[in-house]
mmCIF file of all heavy atoms, coordinates in Angstrom:
data_MODEL
# 
_entry.id   MODEL 
# 
loop_
_atom_site.group_PDB 
_atom_site.id 
_atom_site.type_symbol 
_atom_site.label_atom_id 
_atom_site.label_alt_id 
_atom_site.label_comp_id 
_atom_site.label_asym_id 
_atom_site.label_entity_id 
_atom_site.label_seq_id 
_atom_site.pdbx_PDB_ins_code 
_atom_site.Cartn_x 
_atom_site.Cartn_y 
_atom_site.Cartn_z 
_atom_site.occupancy 
_atom_site.B_iso_or_equiv 
_atom_site.pdbx_formal_charge 
_atom_site.auth_seq_id 
_atom_site.auth_comp_id 
_atom_site.auth_asym_id 
_atom_site.auth_atom_id 
_atom_site.pdbx_PDB_model_num 
ATOM 1   N N   . SER A 1 1  ? -18.224 47.719 65.992 1.00 0.00 ? 1  SER A N   1 
ATOM 2   C CA  . SER A 1 1  ? -17.265 47.012 66.797 1.00 0.00 ? 1  SER A CA  1 
ATOM 3   C C   . SER A 1 1  ? -16.400 48.084 67.600 1.00 0.00 ? 1  SER A C   1 
ATOM 4   O O   . SER A 1 1  ? -16.152 49.249 67.066 1.00 0.00 ? 1  SER A O   1 
ATOM 5   C CB  . SER A 1 1  ? -16.490 46.039 66.035 1.00 0.00 ? 1  SER A CB  1 
ATOM 6   O OG  . SER A 1 1  ? -15.666 46.753 65.056 1.00 0.00 ? 1  SER A OG  1 
ATOM 7   N N   . ASP A 1 2  ? -15.881 47.560 68.639 1.00 0.00 ? 2  ASP A N   1 
ATOM 8   C CA  . ASP A 1 2  ? -15.025 48.364 69.409 1.00 0.00 ? 2  ASP A CA  1 
ATOM 9   C C   . ASP A 1 2  ? -13.726 47.571 69.732 1.00 0.00 ? 2  ASP A C   1 
ATOM 10  O O   . ASP A 1 2  ? -13.789 46.399 69.847 1.00 0.00 ? 2  ASP A O   1 
ATOM 11  C CB  . ASP A 1 2  ? -15.741 48.771 70.721 1.00 0.00 ? 2  ASP A CB  1 
ATOM 12  C CG  . ASP A 1 2  ? -14.808 49.732 71.602 1.00 0.00 ? 2  ASP A CG  1 
ATOM 13  O OD1 . ASP A 1 2  ? -14.965 51.014 71.323 1.00 0.00 ? 2  ASP A OD1 1 
ATOM 14  O OD2 . ASP A 1 2  ? -14.198 49.353 72.441 1.00 0.00 ? 2  ASP A OD2 1 
ATOM 15  N N   . VAL A 1 3  ? -12.593 48.349 70.028 1.00 0.00 ? 3  VAL A N   1 
ATOM 16  C CA  . VAL A 1 3  ? -11.296 47.608 70.221 1.00 0.00 ? 3  VAL A CA  1 
ATOM 17  C C   . VAL A 1 3  ? -11.494 46.814 71.598 1.00 0.00 ? 3  VAL A C   1 
ATOM 18  O O   . VAL A 1 3  ? -10.651 45.871 71.721 1.00 0.00 ? 3  VAL A O   1 
ATOM 19  C CB  . VAL A 1 3  ? -10.257 48.564 70.450 1.00 0.00 ? 3  VAL A CB  1 
ATOM 20  C CG1 . VAL A 1 3  ? -9.936  49.165 69.024 1.00 0.00 ? 3  VAL A CG1 1 
ATOM 21  C CG2 . VAL A 1 3  ? -10.413 49.591 71.429 1.00 0.00 ? 3  VAL A CG2 1 
ATOM 22  N N   . ALA A 1 4  ? -12.384 47.148 72.521 1.00 0.00 ? 4  ALA A N   1 
ATOM 23  C CA  . ALA A 1 4  ? -12.556 46.322 73.694 1.00 0.00 ? 4  ALA A CA  1 
ATOM 24  C C   . ALA A 1 4  ? -13.312 44.982 73.586 1.00 0.00 ? 4  ALA A C   1 
ATOM 25  O O   . ALA A 1 4  ? -13.435 44.213 74.401 1.00 0.00 ? 4  ALA A O   1 
ATOM 26  C CB  . ALA A 1 4  ? -13.059 47.234 74.677 1.00 0.00 ? 4  ALA A CB  1 
ATOM 27  N N   . ASP A 1 5  ? -13.981 44.828 72.404 1.00 0.00 ? 5  ASP A N   1 
ATOM 28  C CA  . ASP A 1 5  ? -14.764 43.775 72.098 1.00 0.00 ? 5  ASP A CA  1 
ATOM 29  C C   . ASP A 1 5  ? -14.060 42.600 71.809 1.00 0.00 ? 5  ASP A C   1 
ATOM 30  O O   . ASP A 1 5  ? -12.963 42.566 71.148 1.00 0.00 ? 5  ASP A O   1 
ATOM 31  C CB  . ASP A 1 5  ? -15.760 44.048 71.030 1.00 0.00 ? 5  ASP A CB  1 
ATOM 32  C CG  . ASP A 1 5  ? -16.745 45.133 71.194 1.00 0.00 ? 5  ASP A CG  1 
ATOM 33  O OD1 . ASP A 1 5  ? -16.971 45.414 72.460 1.00 0.00 ? 5  ASP A OD1 1 
ATOM 34  O OD2 . ASP A 1 5  ? -17.336 45.731 70.345 1.00 0.00 ? 5  ASP A OD2 1 
ATOM 35  N N   . ASP A 1 6  ? -14.415 41.364 72.253 1.00 0.00 ? 6  ASP A N   1 
ATOM 36  C CA  . ASP A 1 6  ? -13.973 40.030 71.974 1.00 0.00 ? 6  ASP A CA  1 
ATOM 37  C C   . ASP A 1 6  ? -12.520 40.042 71.879 1.00 0.00 ? 6  ASP A C   1 
ATOM 38  O O   . ASP A 1 6  ? -11.858 40.241 72.904 1.00 0.00 ? 6  ASP A O   1 
ATOM 39  C CB  . ASP A 1 6  ? -14.428 39.688 70.409 1.00 0.00 ? 6  ASP A CB  1 
ATOM 40  C CG  . ASP A 1 6  ? -14.277 38.254 70.006 1.00 0.00 ? 6  ASP A CG  1 
ATOM 41  O OD1 . ASP A 1 6  ? -14.210 37.561 70.960 1.00 0.00 ? 6  ASP A OD1 1 
ATOM 42  O OD2 . ASP A 1 6  ? -14.276 38.052 68.873 1.00 0.00 ? 6  ASP A OD2 1 
ATOM 43  N N   . ILE A 1 7  ? -11.820 39.795 70.714 1.00 0.00 ? 7  ILE A N   1 
ATOM 44  C CA  . ILE A 1 7  ? -10.403 39.743 70.606 1.00 0.00 ? 7  ILE A CA  1 
ATOM 45  C C   . ILE A 1 7  ? -9.651  40.960 70.199 1.00 0.00 ? 7  ILE A C   1 
ATOM 46  O O   . ILE A 1 7  ? -8.484  41.024 69.968 1.00 0.00 ? 7  ILE A O   1 
ATOM 47  C CB  . ILE A 1 7  ? -9.982  38.639 69.871 1.00 0.00 ? 7  ILE A CB  1 
ATOM 48  C CG1 . ILE A 1 7  ? -10.484 38.880 68.340 1.00 0.00 ? 7  ILE A CG1 1 
ATOM 49  C CG2 . ILE A 1 7  ? -10.452 37.231 70.221 1.00 0.00 ? 7  ILE A CG2 1 
ATOM 50  C CD1 . ILE A 1 7  ? -9.899  37.683 67.244 1.00 0.00 ? 7  ILE A CD1 1 
ATOM 51  N N   . GLY A 1 8  ? -10.384 42.145 70.096 1.00 0.00 ? 8  GLY A N   1 
ATOM 52  C CA  . GLY A 1 8  ? -9.839  43.459 69.800 1.00 0.00 ? 8  GLY A CA  1 
ATOM 53  C C   . GLY A 1 8  ? -9.456  43.484 68.372 1.00 0.00 ? 8  GLY A C   1 
ATOM 54  O O   . GLY A 1 8  ? -10.236 43.056 67.364 1.00 0.00 ? 8  GLY A O   1 
ATOM 55  N N   . LEU A 1 9  ? -8.417  44.116 68.029 1.00 0.00 ? 9  LEU A N   1 
ATOM 56  C CA  . LEU A 1 9  ? -8.044  44.415 66.618 1.00 0.00 ? 9  LEU A CA  1 
ATOM 57  C C   . LEU A 1 9  ? -7.262  43.276 65.991 1.00 0.00 ? 9  LEU A C   1 
ATOM 58  O O   . LEU A 1 9  ? -6.238  42.728 66.504 1.00 0.00 ? 9  LEU A O   1 
ATOM 59  C CB  . LEU A 1 9  ? -7.120  45.746 66.530 1.00 0.00 ? 9  LEU A CB  1 
ATOM 60  C CG  . LEU A 1 9  ? -7.773  46.961 67.035 1.00 0.00 ? 9  LEU A CG  1 
ATOM 61  C CD1 . LEU A 1 9  ? -6.843  48.147 67.088 1.00 0.00 ? 9  LEU A CD1 1 
ATOM 62  C CD2 . LEU A 1 9  ? -8.962  47.393 66.005 1.00 0.00 ? 9  LEU A CD2 1 
ATOM 63  N N   . VAL A 1 10 ? -7.691  42.880 64.769 1.00 0.00 ? 10 VAL A N   1 
ATOM 64  C CA  . VAL A 1 10 ? -7.074  41.820 63.992 1.00 0.00 ? 10 VAL A CA  1 
ATOM 65  C C   . VAL A 1 10 ? -6.537  42.409 62.735 1.00 0.00 ? 10 VAL A C   1 
ATOM 66  O O   . VAL A 1 10 ? -7.207  43.281 62.064 1.00 0.00 ? 10 VAL A O   1 
ATOM 67  C CB  . VAL A 1 10 ? -8.113  40.704 63.634 1.00 0.00 ? 10 VAL A CB  1 
ATOM 68  C CG1 . VAL A 1 10 ? -7.413  39.629 62.781 1.00 0.00 ? 10 VAL A CG1 1 
ATOM 69  C CG2 . VAL A 1 10 ? -8.653  40.172 65.041 1.00 0.00 ? 10 VAL A CG2 1 
ATOM 70  N N   . SER A 1 11 ? -5.305  42.062 62.295 1.00 0.00 ? 11 SER A N   1 
ATOM 71  C CA  . SER A 1 11 ? -4.603  42.846 61.203 1.00 0.00 ? 11 SER A CA  1 
ATOM 72  C C   . SER A 1 11 ? -5.381  42.893 60.024 1.00 0.00 ? 11 SER A C   1 
ATOM 73  O O   . SER A 1 11 ? -5.473  43.927 59.307 1.00 0.00 ? 11 SER A O   1 
ATOM 74  C CB  . SER A 1 11 ? -3.357  42.148 61.056 1.00 0.00 ? 11 SER A CB  1 
ATOM 75  O OG  . SER A 1 11 ? -3.551  40.837 60.581 1.00 0.00 ? 11 SER A OG  1 
ATOM 76  N N   . SER A 1 12 ? -6.077  41.735 59.625 1.00 0.00 ? 12 SER A N   1 
ATOM 77  C CA  . SER A 1 12 ? -6.706  41.699 58.276 1.00 0.00 ? 12 SER A CA  1 
ATOM 78  C C   . SER A 1 12 ? -7.839  42.696 58.295 1.00 0.00 ? 12 SER A C   1 
ATOM 79  O O   . SER A 1 12 ? -8.165  43.367 57.234 1.00 0.00 ? 12 SER A O   1 
ATOM 80  C CB  . SER A 1 12 ? -7.173  40.330 57.877 1.00 0.00 ? 12 SER A CB  1 
ATOM 81  O OG  . SER A 1 12 ? -7.888  39.797 59.016 1.00 0.00 ? 12 SER A OG  1 
ATOM 82  N N   . ARG A 1 13 ? -8.713  42.800 59.319 1.00 0.00 ? 13 ARG A N   1 
ATOM 83  C CA  . ARG A 1 13 ? -9.827  43.610 59.377 1.00 0.00 ? 13 ARG A CA  1 
ATOM 84  C C   . ARG A 1 13 ? -9.397  45.048 59.473 1.00 0.00 ? 13 ARG A C   1 
ATOM 85  O O   . ARG A 1 13 ? -10.101 45.923 58.846 1.00 0.00 ? 13 ARG A O   1 
ATOM 86  C CB  . ARG A 1 13 ? -10.713 43.244 60.403 1.00 0.00 ? 13 ARG A CB  1 
ATOM 87  C CG  . ARG A 1 13 ? -12.210 43.494 60.071 1.00 0.00 ? 13 ARG A CG  1 
ATOM 88  C CD  . ARG A 1 13 ? -13.189 42.598 60.802 1.00 0.00 ? 13 ARG A CD  1 
ATOM 89  N NE  . ARG A 1 13 ? -14.591 42.807 60.583 1.00 0.00 ? 13 ARG A NE  1 
ATOM 90  C CZ  . ARG A 1 13 ? -15.259 43.664 61.204 1.00 0.00 ? 13 ARG A CZ  1 
ATOM 91  N NH1 . ARG A 1 13 ? -14.888 44.352 62.176 1.00 0.00 ? 13 ARG A NH1 1 
ATOM 92  N NH2 . ARG A 1 13 ? -16.615 43.878 60.805 1.00 0.00 ? 13 ARG A NH2 1 
ATOM 93  N N   . VAL A 1 14 ? -8.373  45.420 60.161 1.00 0.00 ? 14 VAL A N   1 
ATOM 94  C CA  . VAL A 1 14 ? -7.875  46.799 60.276 1.00 0.00 ? 14 VAL A CA  1 
ATOM 95  C C   . VAL A 1 14 ? -7.420  47.222 58.837 1.00 0.00 ? 14 VAL A C   1 
ATOM 96  O O   . VAL A 1 14 ? -7.731  48.331 58.460 1.00 0.00 ? 14 VAL A O   1 
ATOM 97  C CB  . VAL A 1 14 ? -6.749  46.920 61.258 1.00 0.00 ? 14 VAL A CB  1 
ATOM 98  C CG1 . VAL A 1 14 ? -6.203  48.239 61.211 1.00 0.00 ? 14 VAL A CG1 1 
ATOM 99  C CG2 . VAL A 1 14 ? -7.367  46.625 62.707 1.00 0.00 ? 14 VAL A CG2 1 
ATOM 100 N N   . MET A 1 15 ? -6.693  46.389 58.171 1.00 0.00 ? 15 MET A N   1 
ATOM 101 C CA  . MET A 1 15 ? -6.199  46.632 56.806 1.00 0.00 ? 15 MET A CA  1 
ATOM 102 C C   . MET A 1 15 ? -7.406  46.887 55.862 1.00 0.00 ? 15 MET A C   1 
ATOM 103 O O   . MET A 1 15 ? -7.196  47.696 54.984 1.00 0.00 ? 15 MET A O   1 
ATOM 104 C CB  . MET A 1 15 ? -5.354  45.479 56.325 1.00 0.00 ? 15 MET A CB  1 
ATOM 105 C CG  . MET A 1 15 ? -3.920  45.446 56.975 1.00 0.00 ? 15 MET A CG  1 
ATOM 106 S SD  . MET A 1 15 ? -3.052  43.999 56.436 1.00 0.00 ? 15 MET A SD  1 
ATOM 107 C CE  . MET A 1 15 ? -2.522  44.536 54.783 1.00 0.00 ? 15 MET A CE  1 
ATOM 108 N N   . LEU A 1 16 ? -8.369  46.055 56.081 1.00 0.00 ? 16 LEU A N   1 
ATOM 109 C CA  . LEU A 1 16 ? -9.601  46.306 55.138 1.00 0.00 ? 16 LEU A CA  1 
ATOM 110 C C   . LEU A 1 16 ? -10.195 47.786 55.250 1.00 0.00 ? 16 LEU A C   1 
ATOM 111 O O   . LEU A 1 16 ? -10.558 48.469 54.363 1.00 0.00 ? 16 LEU A O   1 
ATOM 112 C CB  . LEU A 1 16 ? -10.708 45.286 55.621 1.00 0.00 ? 16 LEU A CB  1 
ATOM 113 C CG  . LEU A 1 16 ? -10.590 43.937 54.974 1.00 0.00 ? 16 LEU A CG  1 
ATOM 114 C CD1 . LEU A 1 16 ? -11.547 43.079 55.608 1.00 0.00 ? 16 LEU A CD1 1 
ATOM 115 C CD2 . LEU A 1 16 ? -10.888 44.044 53.368 1.00 0.00 ? 16 LEU A CD2 1 
ATOM 116 N N   . CYS A 1 17 ? -10.207 48.168 56.562 1.00 0.00 ? 17 CYS A N   1 
ATOM 117 C CA  . CYS A 1 17 ? -10.734 49.540 56.889 1.00 0.00 ? 17 CYS A CA  1 
ATOM 118 C C   . CYS A 1 17 ? -9.807  50.642 56.366 1.00 0.00 ? 17 CYS A C   1 
ATOM 119 O O   . CYS A 1 17 ? -10.315 51.629 55.755 1.00 0.00 ? 17 CYS A O   1 
ATOM 120 C CB  . CYS A 1 17 ? -11.044 49.719 58.355 1.00 0.00 ? 17 CYS A CB  1 
ATOM 121 S SG  . CYS A 1 17 ? -12.021 51.286 58.771 1.00 0.00 ? 17 CYS A SG  1 
ATOM 122 N N   . ALA A 1 18 ? -8.549  50.335 56.550 1.00 0.00 ? 18 ALA A N   1 
ATOM 123 C CA  . ALA A 1 18 ? -7.493  51.418 56.038 1.00 0.00 ? 18 ALA A CA  1 
ATOM 124 C C   . ALA A 1 18 ? -7.670  51.321 54.423 1.00 0.00 ? 18 ALA A C   1 
ATOM 125 O O   . ALA A 1 18 ? -7.460  52.501 53.879 1.00 0.00 ? 18 ALA A O   1 
ATOM 126 C CB  . ALA A 1 18 ? -6.120  50.901 56.428 1.00 0.00 ? 18 ALA A CB  1 
ATOM 127 N N   . ALA A 1 19 ? -7.821  50.282 53.885 1.00 0.00 ? 19 ALA A N   1 
ATOM 128 C CA  . ALA A 1 19 ? -7.993  50.154 52.374 1.00 0.00 ? 19 ALA A CA  1 
ATOM 129 C C   . ALA A 1 19 ? -9.198  50.991 51.954 1.00 0.00 ? 19 ALA A C   1 
ATOM 130 O O   . ALA A 1 19 ? -9.110  51.684 50.850 1.00 0.00 ? 19 ALA A O   1 
ATOM 131 C CB  . ALA A 1 19 ? -8.108  48.773 51.923 1.00 0.00 ? 19 ALA A CB  1 
ATOM 132 N N   . HIS A 1 20 ? -10.252 50.884 52.743 1.00 0.00 ? 20 HIS A N   1 
ATOM 133 C CA  . HIS A 1 20 ? -11.496 51.664 52.315 1.00 0.00 ? 20 HIS A CA  1 
ATOM 134 C C   . HIS A 1 20 ? -11.182 53.085 52.361 1.00 0.00 ? 20 HIS A C   1 
ATOM 135 O O   . HIS A 1 20 ? -11.579 53.962 51.618 1.00 0.00 ? 20 HIS A O   1 
ATOM 136 C CB  . HIS A 1 20 ? -12.608 51.355 53.433 1.00 0.00 ? 20 HIS A CB  1 
ATOM 137 C CG  . HIS A 1 20 ? -13.458 50.225 52.848 1.00 0.00 ? 20 HIS A CG  1 
ATOM 138 N ND1 . HIS A 1 20 ? -14.740 50.488 52.315 1.00 0.00 ? 20 HIS A ND1 1 
ATOM 139 C CD2 . HIS A 1 20 ? -13.417 48.945 53.011 1.00 0.00 ? 20 HIS A CD2 1 
ATOM 140 C CE1 . HIS A 1 20 ? -15.266 49.356 51.999 1.00 0.00 ? 20 HIS A CE1 1 
ATOM 141 N NE2 . HIS A 1 20 ? -14.491 48.502 52.477 1.00 0.00 ? 20 HIS A NE2 1 
ATOM 142 N N   . GLN A 1 21 ? -10.314 53.659 53.579 1.00 0.00 ? 21 GLN A N   1 
ATOM 143 C CA  . GLN A 1 21 ? -10.076 55.089 53.519 1.00 0.00 ? 21 GLN A CA  1 
ATOM 144 C C   . GLN A 1 21 ? -9.145  55.360 52.475 1.00 0.00 ? 21 GLN A C   1 
ATOM 145 O O   . GLN A 1 21 ? -9.357  56.439 51.920 1.00 0.00 ? 21 GLN A O   1 
ATOM 146 C CB  . GLN A 1 21 ? -9.406  55.187 54.944 1.00 0.00 ? 21 GLN A CB  1 
ATOM 147 C CG  . GLN A 1 21 ? -10.426 55.205 56.181 1.00 0.00 ? 21 GLN A CG  1 
ATOM 148 C CD  . GLN A 1 21 ? -9.709  55.552 57.371 1.00 0.00 ? 21 GLN A CD  1 
ATOM 149 O OE1 . GLN A 1 21 ? -9.243  54.603 58.159 1.00 0.00 ? 21 GLN A OE1 1 
ATOM 150 N NE2 . GLN A 1 21 ? -9.657  56.792 57.770 1.00 0.00 ? 21 GLN A NE2 1 
ATOM 151 N N   . ALA A 1 22 ? -8.173  54.675 52.099 1.00 0.00 ? 22 ALA A N   1 
ATOM 152 C CA  . ALA A 1 22 ? -7.173  55.008 51.034 1.00 0.00 ? 22 ALA A CA  1 
ATOM 153 C C   . ALA A 1 22 ? -7.935  55.071 49.718 1.00 0.00 ? 22 ALA A C   1 
ATOM 154 O O   . ALA A 1 22 ? -7.720  56.035 48.882 1.00 0.00 ? 22 ALA A O   1 
ATOM 155 C CB  . ALA A 1 22 ? -5.964  54.010 51.046 1.00 0.00 ? 22 ALA A CB  1 
ATOM 156 N N   . HIS A 1 23 ? -8.795  54.017 49.425 1.00 0.00 ? 23 HIS A N   1 
ATOM 157 C CA  . HIS A 1 23 ? -9.548  53.994 48.212 1.00 0.00 ? 23 HIS A CA  1 
ATOM 158 C C   . HIS A 1 23 ? -10.478 55.229 48.105 1.00 0.00 ? 23 HIS A C   1 
ATOM 159 O O   . HIS A 1 23 ? -10.577 55.838 46.975 1.00 0.00 ? 23 HIS A O   1 
ATOM 160 C CB  . HIS A 1 23 ? -10.265 52.739 48.143 1.00 0.00 ? 23 HIS A CB  1 
ATOM 161 C CG  . HIS A 1 23 ? -10.794 52.473 46.827 1.00 0.00 ? 23 HIS A CG  1 
ATOM 162 N ND1 . HIS A 1 23 ? -9.992  52.311 45.500 1.00 0.00 ? 23 HIS A ND1 1 
ATOM 163 C CD2 . HIS A 1 23 ? -12.161 52.389 46.246 1.00 0.00 ? 23 HIS A CD2 1 
ATOM 164 C CE1 . HIS A 1 23 ? -10.763 52.132 44.508 1.00 0.00 ? 23 HIS A CE1 1 
ATOM 165 N NE2 . HIS A 1 23 ? -12.018 52.134 44.889 1.00 0.00 ? 23 HIS A NE2 1 
ATOM 166 N N   . MET A 1 24 ? -11.076 55.601 49.226 1.00 0.00 ? 24 MET A N   1 
ATOM 167 C CA  . MET A 1 24 ? -12.044 56.731 49.129 1.00 0.00 ? 24 MET A CA  1 
ATOM 168 C C   . MET A 1 24 ? -11.279 58.056 48.813 1.00 0.00 ? 24 MET A C   1 
ATOM 169 O O   . MET A 1 24 ? -11.623 58.909 48.082 1.00 0.00 ? 24 MET A O   1 
ATOM 170 C CB  . MET A 1 24 ? -12.733 56.899 50.405 1.00 0.00 ? 24 MET A CB  1 
ATOM 171 C CG  . MET A 1 24 ? -14.025 57.917 50.389 1.00 0.00 ? 24 MET A CG  1 
ATOM 172 S SD  . MET A 1 24 ? -15.233 57.293 49.213 1.00 0.00 ? 24 MET A SD  1 
ATOM 173 C CE  . MET A 1 24 ? -15.188 58.673 47.919 1.00 0.00 ? 24 MET A CE  1 
ATOM 174 N N   . ALA A 1 25 ? -9.968  58.087 49.370 1.00 0.00 ? 25 ALA A N   1 
ATOM 175 C CA  . ALA A 1 25 ? -9.201  59.323 49.146 1.00 0.00 ? 25 ALA A CA  1 
ATOM 176 C C   . ALA A 1 25 ? -8.868  59.311 47.602 1.00 0.00 ? 25 ALA A C   1 
ATOM 177 O O   . ALA A 1 25 ? -8.973  60.355 46.892 1.00 0.00 ? 25 ALA A O   1 
ATOM 178 C CB  . ALA A 1 25 ? -7.867  59.300 49.953 1.00 0.00 ? 25 ALA A CB  1 
# 
């Protein structure tokens, strides 16, 4: 997905990705 797609960035999905990054750290 890209920020230009559809409705762009949605808080819950961005938070999911951020949680993946934090958890991997």
